[in-house]
Amino acid sequence: MLLNRFGFSSLRKRIMILLTVGLVGFASLMALVSYNAIYTMQHDKIKTSMAFDLYQQTTKLNQMYNNLLQVTQQMTPEGTVGNLMESYLSAKDSYSQRILSRDISYNIGLITFSNPAMQLVMYFHPETGQPALSNLPLRGDFTLQSLPDVSGMGQLKYQSPHKSLCRFSDDQVVSVTREVKFSDGTQLVVYVEAKTDISTDMNSLSESVNMPYSLVFTDSAGLVTYNSSDSAAFAAGQRLMLSGQSGSTDGYVWNRMTGDYGYGITLLLPVSYYNHELYTWKNHMYWILAIALLMMFLLTLLLRRLINGPFQLIEREMRTFGKGYMGTSQYRTGIDEFDRIFDQFNIMKRQIQQLIIDVEQKEKRRHQLEIEKLAYQINPHFLMNTLNSVRWLAVMHKQAKIEKFVSSLINLLNYNLGKSKETATFRSETEVMRTYLELQQMRHDFEVKLDIEEGCYLDSPVARFILQPIVENAVCHGLDDHGMLEISISPDETAQMVHIIIRDDGKGLSQETLALLQRDTPDQQQTGWGIGLRYVRSMLESFYGHNARMGIESTPNQGTTVTLDLPYLQHREEKAI
């Protein structure tokens, strides 16, 4: 109605409008999804990269500060160098001081040799403003207050990167100072510095990704003590208060960590560079969308010329046919080619209908033959087991019990082979099952516990030969000597069902065997348990349809339980099998 209101009553116009709207909407949706995906991946990529680079720098700094801290410990009165300095300060003559000074320099040399990054190491006298002992010459304008302290407390302080205090070095270093007091009351400041490559690392990182990263050190009060870039933003002395591990502030995105020694280290990147790749992708996407829209418009025009009524009819017929509708329809489009297509389509429908009927009949016949095949497999299988029991009984006893055994066997075979014309009932099935168990107990040493509730249900019809195969499987494949077989049969008057439980405490079944027994289709591996249970399942389906239920539960080394729920049936002639 909306299209008619705007004058688009023509089929071709409608196709053009609908295709155009659909394709444009689809293209816009794809662009939106693509934009969100690119945006998310770009931001996650940069944030992950920043976090990793910051972690690397923090790890290196932690290691450097740790090395410097160990050196300062060596220079305390308790350390190797500090002990020599204790002796140096208490020496009475200049000769002893000279010898001790040489030993101190030698030990400091050993320390710096084992730490290649180590540079200036000295004892500094804060009152005189002069080094008490140093391995390298000190700058003349040095003061303790000029050091960029970034963390520490009490006697121990850590400095952020700064220019080396050595007169002949312009390297960038990090340093640690420590106030020490010797036994004679002399108070000195230990100063140790090590060369750092932070500036070089940050320049290499910025050049490799073409993004101007900045690494900023802050103390506990949030004051900036060092900035790796020349940017005026966040210069030394400014306050940079951040919370959390990442975020954005003042046109920068940042990632922050706290070093092991209490200093704050933050990696910053201008937002404009942070979104640079995204802006580039946007420009490319605009061109791609423009070209795609042009191609969509051309495709719409082409489809407008090609699609017409007969094609829509064919599509509709195919859809209804795909949904299962087999009825034939007569169409006359006025075009011989399309009319012939519809005629052939109707012929194909009728042929498929006939094929379906043939397949259904063949399937029913195949199912019937499968039941007969299973019956022929079950009967000889049982017969061989029973005859084997007769042989063992004759060998073991050599007495007249064989007569009773054979008589019971004959009655059992007559029932199983269908010689008896009587309709099978729950009573006849239980009697046959009792006879079979008596035969097997003559051979095997196992116990049987029968709990069969009396009632009129016992005289109701039931599928023939369904209990013995299950019991036979339990005896032959489940029970061990001295095992227990429990059989319970009881009616449920409310649900009009008979509940049967056959449980053994034998070796049980593995999960693979249990899964194999659940199959409805024949399998060459289904022997023993599989043949009997598949026969019972087929008999139940043939006799009750889908109203009967059979379940199997088994646990290795704990036994197997088979449950049957069978409905009451009025007395009727048993189906021919």
Protein backbone atom coordinates (compact mmCIF):
# COMPACT_ATOMS: atom_id res chain seq x y z
CA MET A 1 0.00 0.00 0.00
CA LEU A 2 2.82 2.39 0.77
CA LEU A 3 4.40 1.75 -2.64
CA ASN A 4 1.04 2.24 -4.36
CA ARG A 5 0.58 5.54 -2.57
CA PHE A 6 3.84 6.84 -4.01
CA GLY A 7 3.02 5.60 -7.50
CA PHE A 8 5.21 2.50 -7.53
CA SER A 9 2.54 0.05 -8.66
CA SER A 10 4.72 -1.40 -11.40
CA LEU A 11 6.47 -4.65 -10.53
CA ARG A 12 9.70 -3.49 -12.08
CA LYS A 13 9.64 -0.24 -10.10
CA ARG A 14 8.96 -2.10 -6.91
CA ILE A 15 11.82 -4.49 -7.56
CA MET A 16 14.15 -1.58 -8.22
CA ILE A 17 13.09 0.30 -5.08
CA LEU A 18 13.17 -2.74 -2.81
CA LEU A 19 16.52 -3.95 -4.11
CA THR A 20 18.02 -0.49 -3.84
CA VAL A 21 16.79 0.01 -0.29
CA GLY A 22 17.83 -3.48 0.71
CA LEU A 23 21.30 -3.27 -0.81
CA VAL A 24 21.93 0.23 0.56
CA GLY A 25 20.78 -0.86 4.00
CA PHE A 26 22.94 -3.94 3.81
CA ALA A 27 25.97 -1.93 2.67
CA SER A 28 25.41 0.61 5.45
CA LEU A 29 25.11 -2.14 8.02
CA MET A 30 28.30 -3.76 6.79
CA ALA A 31 30.09 -0.42 6.93
CA LEU A 32 28.88 0.17 10.48
CA VAL A 33 29.88 -3.29 11.63
CA SER A 34 33.24 -2.97 9.87
CA TYR A 35 33.82 0.44 11.44
CA ASN A 36 33.07 -0.85 14.92
CA ALA A 37 35.32 -3.87 14.37
CA ILE A 38 38.21 -1.75 13.04
CA TYR A 39 37.75 0.80 15.82
CA THR A 40 37.79 -1.88 18.50
CA MET A 41 40.76 -3.73 17.00
CA GLN A 42 42.74 -0.51 16.50
CA HIS A 43 42.19 0.71 20.03
CA ASP A 44 42.82 -2.68 21.58
CA LYS A 45 45.94 -3.10 19.50
CA ILE A 46 47.43 0.24 20.56
CA LYS A 47 46.42 -0.17 24.20
CA THR A 48 47.92 -3.64 24.31
CA SER A 49 51.10 -2.39 22.62
CA MET A 50 51.36 0.55 25.04
CA ALA A 51 50.84 -1.72 28.04
CA PHE A 52 53.51 -4.13 26.78
CA ASP A 53 56.06 -1.39 26.02
CA LEU A 54 55.42 0.23 29.40
CA TYR A 55 55.84 -3.12 31.12
CA GLN A 56 59.20 -3.63 29.39
CA GLN A 57 60.50 -0.21 30.44
CA THR A 58 59.27 -0.66 34.01
CA THR A 59 60.92 -4.07 34.25
CA LYS A 60 64.24 -2.66 33.03
CA LEU A 61 64.05 0.24 35.48
CA ASN A 62 63.17 -2.05 38.37
CA GLN A 63 66.23 -4.14 37.57
CA MET A 64 68.47 -1.06 37.34
CA TYR A 65 67.19 0.37 40.63
CA ASN A 66 67.67 -3.03 42.24
CA ASN A 67 71.29 -3.17 41.06
CA LEU A 68 71.91 0.37 42.35
CA LEU A 69 70.32 -0.49 45.67
CA GLN A 70 72.63 -3.48 46.06
CA VAL A 71 75.65 -1.26 45.40
CA THR A 72 74.53 1.23 48.06
CA GLN A 73 74.19 -1.64 50.50
CA GLN A 74 77.83 -2.53 49.81
CA MET A 75 78.75 1.06 50.72
CA THR A 76 77.01 1.08 54.11
CA PRO A 77 79.15 0.40 57.21
CA GLU A 78 77.92 -3.20 57.11
CA GLY A 79 79.01 -3.68 53.47
CA THR A 80 82.40 -4.49 51.97
CA VAL A 81 83.18 -0.98 50.72
CA GLY A 82 81.52 0.65 53.74
CA ASN A 83 83.70 -1.36 56.12
CA LEU A 84 86.79 -0.12 54.35
CA MET A 85 85.40 3.44 54.50
CA GLU A 86 84.89 2.95 58.27
CA SER A 87 88.57 2.10 58.58
CA TYR A 88 89.54 5.01 56.32
CA LEU A 89 87.69 7.54 58.46
CA SER A 90 89.21 6.19 61.68
CA ALA A 91 92.79 5.95 60.31
CA LYS A 92 95.31 8.11 62.26
CA ASP A 93 97.94 8.63 59.58
CA SER A 94 97.84 9.65 55.95
CA TYR A 95 99.67 6.54 54.81
CA SER A 96 96.96 4.24 56.15
CA GLN A 97 94.31 6.46 54.61
CA ARG A 98 96.08 6.25 51.27
CA ILE A 99 96.27 2.46 51.41
CA LEU A 100 92.61 2.24 52.42
CA SER A 101 91.62 4.73 49.72
CA ARG A 102 93.29 2.51 47.15
CA ASP A 103 91.43 -0.55 48.48
CA ILE A 104 88.12 1.33 48.39
CA SER A 105 88.74 2.41 44.79
CA TYR A 106 89.69 -1.15 43.89
CA ASN A 107 86.44 -2.56 45.34
CA ILE A 108 84.37 0.16 43.67
CA GLY A 109 86.11 -0.77 40.42
CA LEU A 110 85.10 -4.40 40.92
CA ILE A 111 81.49 -3.32 41.43
CA THR A 112 81.41 -1.13 38.33
CA PHE A 113 83.19 -3.80 36.28
CA SER A 114 80.51 -6.37 37.10
CA ASN A 115 77.82 -3.80 36.22
CA PRO A 116 78.71 -2.30 32.80
CA ALA A 117 75.93 0.31 33.03
CA MET A 118 77.33 1.67 36.32
CA GLN A 119 79.11 5.02 36.06
CA LEU A 120 79.65 7.44 38.94
CA VAL A 121 79.93 5.93 42.45
CA MET A 122 80.84 8.24 45.35
CA TYR A 123 80.61 9.18 49.00
CA PHE A 124 79.39 12.79 49.20
CA HIS A 125 79.82 15.09 52.17
CA PRO A 126 76.60 17.14 52.37
CA GLU A 127 78.08 19.75 54.76
CA THR A 128 81.08 20.66 52.63
CA GLY A 129 79.35 20.02 49.31
CA GLN A 130 82.34 18.01 48.12
CA PRO A 131 82.78 14.30 47.37
CA ALA A 132 84.51 12.42 50.18
CA LEU A 133 85.51 9.64 47.75
CA SER A 134 84.57 9.16 44.06
CA ASN A 135 85.59 6.88 41.21
CA LEU A 136 85.08 9.67 38.61
CA PRO A 137 85.36 13.47 38.71
CA LEU A 138 82.16 15.28 39.76
CA ARG A 139 80.51 18.23 38.01
CA GLY A 140 81.28 21.52 39.72
CA ASP A 141 77.67 22.76 39.90
CA PHE A 142 76.28 19.68 41.67
CA THR A 143 73.95 19.94 44.66
CA LEU A 144 71.90 17.24 46.35
CA GLN A 145 68.78 19.38 46.02
CA SER A 146 69.08 19.41 42.24
CA LEU A 147 68.53 15.64 41.96
CA PRO A 148 65.03 14.74 40.59
CA ASP A 149 63.85 12.55 43.49
CA VAL A 150 60.93 10.41 42.31
CA SER A 151 60.41 8.04 45.23
CA GLY A 152 61.90 6.78 48.44
CA MET A 153 61.68 7.69 52.09
CA GLY A 154 64.00 8.40 54.98
CA GLN A 155 67.64 7.76 54.16
CA LEU A 156 67.00 6.09 50.76
CA LYS A 157 65.86 8.02 47.67
CA TYR A 158 65.47 7.13 43.98
CA GLN A 159 65.97 9.62 41.16
CA SER A 160 64.28 9.63 37.76
CA PRO A 161 66.42 9.87 34.58
CA HIS A 162 68.76 12.87 34.52
CA LYS A 163 72.13 13.89 33.12
CA SER A 164 75.14 12.10 34.58
CA LEU A 165 77.00 13.92 37.39
CA CYS A 166 80.31 12.84 35.90
CA ARG A 167 82.17 15.84 34.49
CA PHE A 168 83.12 13.99 31.31
CA SER A 169 79.80 12.27 30.53
CA ASP A 170 76.59 13.52 28.94
CA ASP A 171 74.79 10.18 29.30
CA GLN A 172 71.32 9.92 30.75
CA VAL A 173 71.32 7.99 34.04
CA VAL A 174 69.12 6.93 36.90
CA SER A 175 70.52 7.14 40.41
CA VAL A 176 70.01 6.21 44.04
CA THR A 177 71.18 8.18 47.10
CA ARG A 178 71.54 6.82 50.60
CA GLU A 179 72.47 8.59 53.83
CA VAL A 180 74.91 6.59 55.94
CA LYS A 181 76.44 7.27 59.34
CA PHE A 182 79.74 5.82 60.44
CA SER A 183 80.91 4.95 63.94
CA ASP A 184 82.93 8.16 64.35
CA GLY A 185 79.78 10.21 63.77
CA THR A 186 80.59 11.13 60.17
CA GLN A 187 77.46 11.38 57.99
CA LEU A 188 77.89 10.91 54.26
CA VAL A 189 75.56 10.42 51.29
CA VAL A 190 76.18 7.47 49.00
CA TYR A 191 75.44 8.34 45.37
CA VAL A 192 75.32 5.64 42.69
CA GLU A 193 74.21 6.12 39.07
CA ALA A 194 73.77 3.83 36.04
CA LYS A 195 73.32 4.64 32.39
CA THR A 196 69.76 4.22 31.03
CA ASP A 197 68.57 3.86 27.44
CA ILE A 198 65.05 5.17 28.06
CA SER A 199 65.41 8.12 25.69
CA THR A 200 66.86 5.90 22.93
CA ASP A 201 64.20 3.25 23.46
CA MET A 202 61.38 5.77 23.28
CA ASN A 203 62.81 7.34 20.10
CA SER A 204 63.10 3.91 18.48
CA LEU A 205 59.56 3.02 19.52
CA SER A 206 58.15 6.29 18.15
CA GLU A 207 60.00 5.91 14.84
CA SER A 208 58.99 2.27 14.38
CA VAL A 209 55.23 2.99 14.67
CA ASN A 210 55.39 6.66 13.58
CA MET A 211 53.74 7.81 16.80
CA PRO A 212 55.26 10.34 19.25
CA TYR A 213 55.21 8.43 22.52
CA SER A 214 56.17 10.15 25.76
CA LEU A 215 57.39 8.44 28.92
CA VAL A 216 56.72 10.42 32.11
CA PHE A 217 57.96 9.80 35.67
CA THR A 218 55.88 11.09 38.60
CA ASP A 219 56.43 11.00 42.33
CA SER A 220 53.90 10.03 44.97
CA ALA A 221 52.39 13.55 44.90
CA GLY A 222 51.80 13.38 41.14
CA LEU A 223 54.57 15.86 40.24
CA VAL A 224 56.38 15.18 36.96
CA THR A 225 60.11 14.60 37.44
CA TYR A 226 60.99 13.48 33.91
CA ASN A 227 59.50 13.53 30.38
CA SER A 228 61.23 11.63 27.58
CA SER A 229 59.91 13.97 24.86
CA ASP A 230 60.55 17.66 24.23
CA SER A 231 56.83 18.45 24.47
CA ALA A 232 55.87 21.26 26.81
CA ALA A 233 52.95 19.17 27.98
CA PHE A 234 53.65 17.48 31.30
CA ALA A 235 57.00 19.13 31.79
CA ALA A 236 59.02 18.63 34.98
CA GLY A 237 57.34 20.27 37.93
CA GLN A 238 53.80 20.04 36.55
CA ARG A 239 51.20 17.92 38.31
CA LEU A 240 49.84 14.82 36.57
CA MET A 241 47.14 13.18 38.66
CA LEU A 242 45.90 9.90 37.15
CA SER A 243 43.81 7.07 38.55
CA GLY A 244 43.60 3.55 37.20
CA GLN A 245 45.84 1.83 34.70
CA SER A 246 44.72 3.54 31.48
CA GLY A 247 42.56 6.37 30.21
CA SER A 248 42.71 9.71 28.42
CA THR A 249 43.38 13.25 29.62
CA ASP A 250 44.24 16.63 28.06
CA GLY A 251 44.30 15.26 24.51
CA TYR A 252 46.43 12.23 25.40
CA VAL A 253 45.72 8.57 25.92
CA TRP A 254 47.85 6.98 28.60
CA ASN A 255 48.83 3.76 30.28
CA ARG A 256 50.26 3.83 33.78
CA MET A 257 52.19 1.53 36.10
CA THR A 258 53.81 1.84 39.51
CA GLY A 259 57.39 0.62 39.83
CA ASP A 260 58.59 -1.74 42.51
CA TYR A 261 60.19 1.17 44.36
CA GLY A 262 57.15 3.45 44.46
CA TYR A 263 57.70 5.67 41.44
CA GLY A 264 54.97 6.27 38.87
CA ILE A 265 55.71 5.73 35.18
CA THR A 266 53.22 6.69 32.46
CA LEU A 267 53.30 6.19 28.68
CA LEU A 268 51.35 8.88 26.77
CA LEU A 269 50.28 9.24 23.15
CA PRO A 270 48.41 12.18 21.52
CA VAL A 271 44.83 11.31 20.65
CA SER A 272 45.31 12.57 17.09
CA TYR A 273 47.97 9.92 16.46
CA TYR A 274 45.99 7.37 18.44
CA ASN A 275 43.16 7.66 15.89
CA HIS A 276 45.36 8.31 12.86
CA GLU A 277 44.91 4.84 11.31
CA LEU A 278 41.19 4.99 12.00
CA TYR A 279 40.88 8.30 10.15
CA THR A 280 42.77 6.82 7.20
CA TRP A 281 40.47 3.81 7.18
CA LYS A 282 37.44 6.11 7.20
CA ASN A 283 38.59 7.91 4.07
CA HIS A 284 39.14 4.62 2.28
CA MET A 285 35.77 3.33 3.46
CA TYR A 286 33.98 6.36 2.02
CA TRP A 287 35.40 5.61 -1.42
CA ILE A 288 34.60 1.93 -1.10
CA LEU A 289 31.02 2.71 -0.09
CA ALA A 290 30.59 5.13 -2.99
CA ILE A 291 31.82 2.55 -5.50
CA ALA A 292 29.70 -0.17 -3.86
CA LEU A 293 26.58 1.98 -4.03
CA LEU A 294 27.21 2.70 -7.70
CA MET A 295 27.65 -0.99 -8.43
CA MET A 296 24.49 -1.78 -6.46
CA PHE A 297 22.51 0.75 -8.48
CA LEU A 298 23.75 -0.74 -11.74
CA LEU A 299 22.94 -4.23 -10.50
CA THR A 300 19.42 -3.10 -9.58
CA LEU A 301 18.87 -1.78 -13.08
CA LEU A 302 20.10 -5.03 -14.55
CA LEU A 303 17.83 -7.15 -12.35
CA ARG A 304 14.92 -4.92 -13.26
CA ARG A 305 15.38 -5.90 -16.89
CA LEU A 306 15.87 -9.61 -16.25
CA ILE A 307 13.32 -10.44 -13.54
CA ASN A 308 9.69 -10.81 -14.60
CA GLY A 309 6.48 -12.65 -13.75
CA PRO A 310 7.32 -16.18 -14.96
CA PHE A 311 10.50 -16.25 -12.92
CA GLN A 312 8.58 -15.25 -9.81
CA LEU A 313 6.06 -18.03 -10.44
CA ILE A 314 8.85 -20.57 -10.79
CA GLU A 315 10.46 -19.34 -7.57
CA ARG A 316 7.16 -19.58 -5.71
CA GLU A 317 6.56 -23.13 -6.96
CA MET A 318 10.02 -24.18 -5.88
CA ARG A 319 9.53 -22.72 -2.42
CA THR A 320 6.21 -24.49 -1.87
CA PHE A 321 7.74 -27.70 -3.21
CA GLY A 322 10.67 -27.32 -0.83
CA LYS A 323 8.21 -27.05 2.07
CA GLY A 324 6.71 -30.43 1.12
CA TYR A 325 3.68 -29.41 -0.97
CA MET A 326 3.35 -31.95 -3.80
CA GLY A 327 0.14 -30.70 -5.44
CA THR A 328 0.31 -29.76 -9.12
CA SER A 329 -0.65 -26.33 -10.41
CA GLN A 330 -1.47 -25.31 -13.96
CA TYR A 331 0.01 -22.04 -15.22
CA ARG A 332 -0.32 -20.51 -18.68
CA THR A 333 2.00 -17.58 -19.09
CA GLY A 334 1.57 -17.29 -22.86
CA ILE A 335 5.24 -18.16 -23.41
CA ASP A 336 5.84 -21.68 -24.71
CA GLU A 337 9.19 -22.11 -22.99
CA PHE A 338 7.84 -21.28 -19.54
CA ASP A 339 4.69 -23.36 -20.07
CA ARG A 340 6.84 -26.39 -20.91
CA ILE A 341 8.88 -25.77 -17.75
CA PHE A 342 5.74 -25.80 -15.60
CA ASP A 343 4.52 -29.00 -17.31
CA GLN A 344 7.82 -30.75 -16.67
CA PHE A 345 7.77 -29.50 -13.09
CA ASN A 346 4.34 -31.07 -12.54
CA ILE A 347 5.55 -34.36 -14.04
CA MET A 348 8.53 -34.31 -11.70
CA LYS A 349 6.21 -33.78 -8.70
CA ARG A 350 4.10 -36.82 -9.61
CA GLN A 351 7.22 -38.95 -10.07
CA ILE A 352 8.58 -37.89 -6.69
CA GLN A 353 5.26 -38.68 -5.04
CA GLN A 354 5.39 -42.19 -6.48
CA LEU A 355 9.00 -42.61 -5.38
CA ILE A 356 8.10 -41.58 -1.83
CA ILE A 357 5.30 -44.17 -1.74
CA ASP A 358 7.68 -46.85 -3.05
CA VAL A 359 10.33 -45.94 -0.48
CA GLU A 360 7.80 -46.10 2.37
CA GLN A 361 6.65 -49.55 1.28
CA LYS A 362 10.23 -50.79 0.93
CA GLU A 363 11.09 -49.39 4.36
CA LYS A 364 8.15 -51.21 5.96
CA ARG A 365 9.20 -54.43 4.26
CA ARG A 366 12.81 -53.92 5.29
CA HIS A 367 11.74 -53.39 8.89
CA GLN A 368 9.67 -56.59 8.82
CA LEU A 369 12.56 -58.55 7.34
CA GLU A 370 14.89 -57.11 9.96
CA ILE A 371 12.62 -58.40 12.72
CA GLU A 372 12.56 -61.84 11.12
CA LYS A 373 16.30 -61.79 10.73
CA LEU A 374 16.76 -60.89 14.39
CA ALA A 375 14.38 -63.66 15.42
CA TYR A 376 16.45 -66.19 13.48
CA GLN A 377 19.59 -64.80 15.07
CA ILE A 378 18.17 -64.96 18.60
CA ASN A 379 16.74 -68.50 18.46
CA PRO A 380 19.93 -70.34 17.39
CA HIS A 381 21.94 -68.20 19.77
CA PHE A 382 19.78 -69.30 22.69
CA LEU A 383 19.69 -72.88 21.46
CA MET A 384 23.48 -73.12 21.39
CA ASN A 385 23.78 -71.74 24.92
CA THR A 386 21.18 -74.20 26.22
CA LEU A 387 22.67 -77.23 24.46
CA ASN A 388 26.03 -76.26 25.87
CA SER A 389 24.45 -76.25 29.34
CA VAL A 390 23.05 -79.80 28.65
CA ARG A 391 26.53 -81.01 27.70
CA TRP A 392 28.12 -79.60 30.84
CA LEU A 393 25.30 -80.97 32.98
CA ALA A 394 25.81 -84.48 31.53
CA VAL A 395 29.56 -84.28 32.15
CA MET A 396 29.26 -82.93 35.66
CA HIS A 397 26.32 -84.95 37.07
CA LYS A 398 25.72 -88.03 34.92
CA GLN A 399 22.30 -88.37 36.64
CA ALA A 400 18.59 -88.27 35.90
CA LYS A 401 18.42 -84.48 36.31
CA ILE A 402 19.11 -84.29 32.61
CA GLU A 403 15.54 -85.50 31.97
CA LYS A 404 14.09 -82.56 33.85
CA PHE A 405 16.56 -80.24 32.18
CA VAL A 406 15.71 -81.46 28.68
CA SER A 407 11.96 -81.37 29.37
CA SER A 408 12.22 -77.78 30.46
CA LEU A 409 14.37 -77.05 27.43
CA ILE A 410 11.75 -78.53 25.08
CA ASN A 411 8.98 -76.41 26.58
CA LEU A 412 11.19 -73.36 26.36
CA LEU A 413 12.09 -73.98 22.73
CA ASN A 414 8.46 -74.58 21.78
CA TYR A 415 7.54 -71.17 23.18
CA ASN A 416 10.54 -69.33 21.77
CA LEU A 417 10.23 -70.81 18.31
CA GLY A 418 6.55 -69.91 18.18
CA LYS A 419 5.26 -73.51 18.14
CA SER A 420 2.63 -72.64 20.73
CA LYS A 421 -0.47 -71.03 19.20
CA GLU A 422 -1.49 -69.34 22.43
CA THR A 423 -1.35 -65.56 22.72
CA ALA A 424 1.65 -64.40 24.73
CA THR A 425 0.78 -62.79 28.07
CA PHE A 426 2.78 -61.34 30.93
CA ARG A 427 2.11 -64.60 32.81
CA SER A 428 3.43 -66.82 30.00
CA GLU A 429 6.47 -64.55 29.56
CA THR A 430 7.30 -64.72 33.27
CA GLU A 431 6.85 -68.51 33.33
CA VAL A 432 9.20 -68.93 30.38
CA MET A 433 11.65 -66.63 32.09
CA ARG A 434 11.45 -68.71 35.29
CA THR A 435 12.07 -71.91 33.30
CA TYR A 436 15.10 -70.35 31.62
CA LEU A 437 16.55 -69.18 34.96
CA GLU A 438 16.07 -72.65 36.47
CA LEU A 439 18.01 -74.14 33.55
CA GLN A 440 20.83 -71.65 33.94
CA GLN A 441 21.04 -72.07 37.72
CA MET A 442 21.74 -75.76 37.14
CA ARG A 443 24.94 -74.66 35.40
CA HIS A 444 25.91 -71.35 37.00
CA ASP A 445 26.11 -70.38 40.65
CA PHE A 446 24.12 -67.14 40.90
CA GLU A 447 21.12 -65.96 42.89
CA VAL A 448 17.78 -64.80 41.52
CA LYS A 449 15.38 -62.51 43.34
CA LEU A 450 11.93 -62.42 41.73
CA ASP A 451 9.35 -59.84 42.78
CA ILE A 452 6.30 -60.34 40.54
CA GLU A 453 3.13 -58.68 41.80
CA GLU A 454 0.00 -60.71 41.20
CA GLY A 455 -2.89 -59.14 39.32
CA CYS A 456 -5.14 -59.33 36.31
CA TYR A 457 -2.51 -57.51 34.29
CA LEU A 458 -0.58 -60.80 34.07
CA ASP A 459 -3.23 -62.15 31.69
CA SER A 460 -3.11 -59.15 29.34
CA PRO A 461 -1.45 -59.61 25.90
CA VAL A 462 2.21 -58.78 25.47
CA ALA A 463 4.80 -59.08 22.72
CA ARG A 464 6.24 -62.59 22.57
CA PHE A 465 9.76 -63.41 23.73
CA ILE A 466 10.84 -60.03 25.19
CA LEU A 467 11.92 -60.89 28.75
CA GLN A 468 14.11 -63.93 28.15
CA PRO A 469 16.61 -62.19 25.78
CA ILE A 470 17.23 -59.49 28.40
CA VAL A 471 17.62 -62.05 31.19
CA GLU A 472 19.87 -64.18 28.96
CA ASN A 473 22.12 -61.16 28.31
CA ALA A 474 22.39 -60.53 32.05
CA VAL A 475 23.27 -64.17 32.79
CA CYS A 476 25.65 -64.79 29.88
CA HIS A 477 27.30 -61.38 29.54
CA GLY A 478 26.83 -59.58 32.84
CA LEU A 479 26.75 -61.82 35.88
CA ASP A 480 29.81 -63.39 37.44
CA ASP A 481 29.73 -66.45 39.69
CA HIS A 482 27.91 -65.79 42.97
CA GLY A 483 26.20 -62.79 41.39
CA MET A 484 22.69 -61.51 42.06
CA LEU A 485 19.92 -61.02 39.46
CA GLU A 486 16.91 -58.98 40.61
CA ILE A 487 13.67 -58.95 38.58
CA SER A 488 10.71 -56.79 39.53
CA ILE A 489 7.35 -56.67 37.69
CA SER A 490 4.56 -54.42 38.96
CA PRO A 491 1.53 -52.64 37.44
CA ASP A 492 0.73 -48.93 37.56
CA GLU A 493 -3.05 -48.84 37.60
CA THR A 494 -3.18 -45.05 37.23
CA ALA A 495 -1.03 -44.89 34.11
CA GLN A 496 -2.24 -48.31 32.83
CA MET A 497 1.39 -49.40 32.45
CA VAL A 498 3.43 -52.42 33.56
CA HIS A 499 6.83 -51.51 35.03
CA ILE A 500 9.59 -54.15 34.64
CA ILE A 501 13.10 -53.83 36.13
CA ILE A 502 15.87 -56.37 35.41
CA ARG A 503 19.04 -55.57 37.37
CA ASP A 504 22.31 -57.47 37.78
CA ASP A 505 25.41 -56.69 39.84
CA GLY A 506 27.85 -57.97 37.23
CA LYS A 507 30.71 -56.33 35.35
CA GLY A 508 28.53 -53.75 33.61
CA LEU A 509 29.10 -52.07 30.26
CA SER A 510 31.54 -49.41 29.06
CA GLN A 511 30.28 -46.10 27.69
CA GLU A 512 31.24 -47.15 24.15
CA THR A 513 29.30 -50.42 24.41
CA LEU A 514 26.33 -48.63 25.97
CA ALA A 515 26.27 -46.09 23.13
CA LEU A 516 26.43 -48.94 20.59
CA LEU A 517 23.41 -50.62 22.20
CA GLN A 518 21.37 -47.41 21.93
CA ARG A 519 21.50 -47.49 18.12
CA ASP A 520 18.35 -48.39 16.29
CA THR A 521 20.17 -49.42 13.11
CA PRO A 522 21.96 -52.77 12.71
CA ASP A 523 25.67 -52.89 13.41
CA GLN A 524 28.10 -55.73 12.77
CA GLN A 525 29.62 -55.11 16.19
CA GLN A 526 26.31 -55.68 17.97
CA THR A 527 26.75 -59.25 19.19
CA GLY A 528 25.60 -60.74 22.50
CA TRP A 529 23.89 -57.83 24.22
CA GLY A 530 23.30 -56.03 20.91
CA ILE A 531 21.40 -58.82 19.14
CA GLY A 532 19.03 -59.55 22.02
CA LEU A 533 18.27 -55.93 22.87
CA ARG A 534 17.78 -54.91 19.25
CA TYR A 535 15.36 -57.82 18.85
CA VAL A 536 13.41 -56.74 21.94
CA ARG A 537 13.35 -53.12 20.75
CA SER A 538 12.05 -54.19 17.35
CA MET A 539 9.37 -56.43 18.90
CA LEU A 540 8.20 -53.62 21.18
CA GLU A 541 8.01 -51.16 18.31
CA SER A 542 6.11 -53.66 16.16
CA PHE A 543 3.69 -54.62 18.94
CA TYR A 544 3.16 -51.32 20.78
CA GLY A 545 4.29 -48.69 18.30
CA HIS A 546 5.77 -45.75 20.24
CA ASN A 547 3.82 -46.43 23.45
CA ALA A 548 6.44 -48.72 25.02
CA ARG A 549 9.73 -47.51 26.51
CA MET A 550 12.96 -49.37 27.18
CA GLY A 551 15.95 -47.87 29.03
CA ILE A 552 19.45 -49.18 29.79
CA GLU A 553 21.74 -47.91 32.56
CA SER A 554 25.13 -49.44 33.28
CA THR A 555 28.29 -48.65 35.20
CA PRO A 556 31.50 -50.68 34.73
CA ASN A 557 32.05 -53.17 37.59
CA GLN A 558 28.72 -52.17 39.20
CA GLY A 559 26.11 -53.87 37.03
CA THR A 560 23.44 -53.15 34.45
CA THR A 561 19.77 -52.18 34.80
CA VAL A 562 17.19 -52.58 32.02
CA THR A 563 13.75 -51.00 32.53
CA LEU A 564 10.62 -51.64 30.48
CA ASP A 565 7.39 -49.65 30.62
CA LEU A 566 4.68 -51.53 28.69
CA PRO A 567 1.03 -50.47 28.35
CA TYR A 568 -1.98 -52.66 29.14
CA LEU A 569 -3.61 -54.09 26.05
CA GLN A 570 -7.00 -55.66 25.61
CA HIS A 571 -6.92 -59.32 24.66
CA ARG A 572 -6.37 -59.60 20.92
CA GLU A 573 -4.76 -61.83 18.38
CA GLU A 574 -0.98 -61.47 18.47
CA LYS A 575 0.66 -59.96 15.45
CA ALA A 576 2.26 -62.44 13.10
CA ILE A 577 6.00 -62.14 13.23
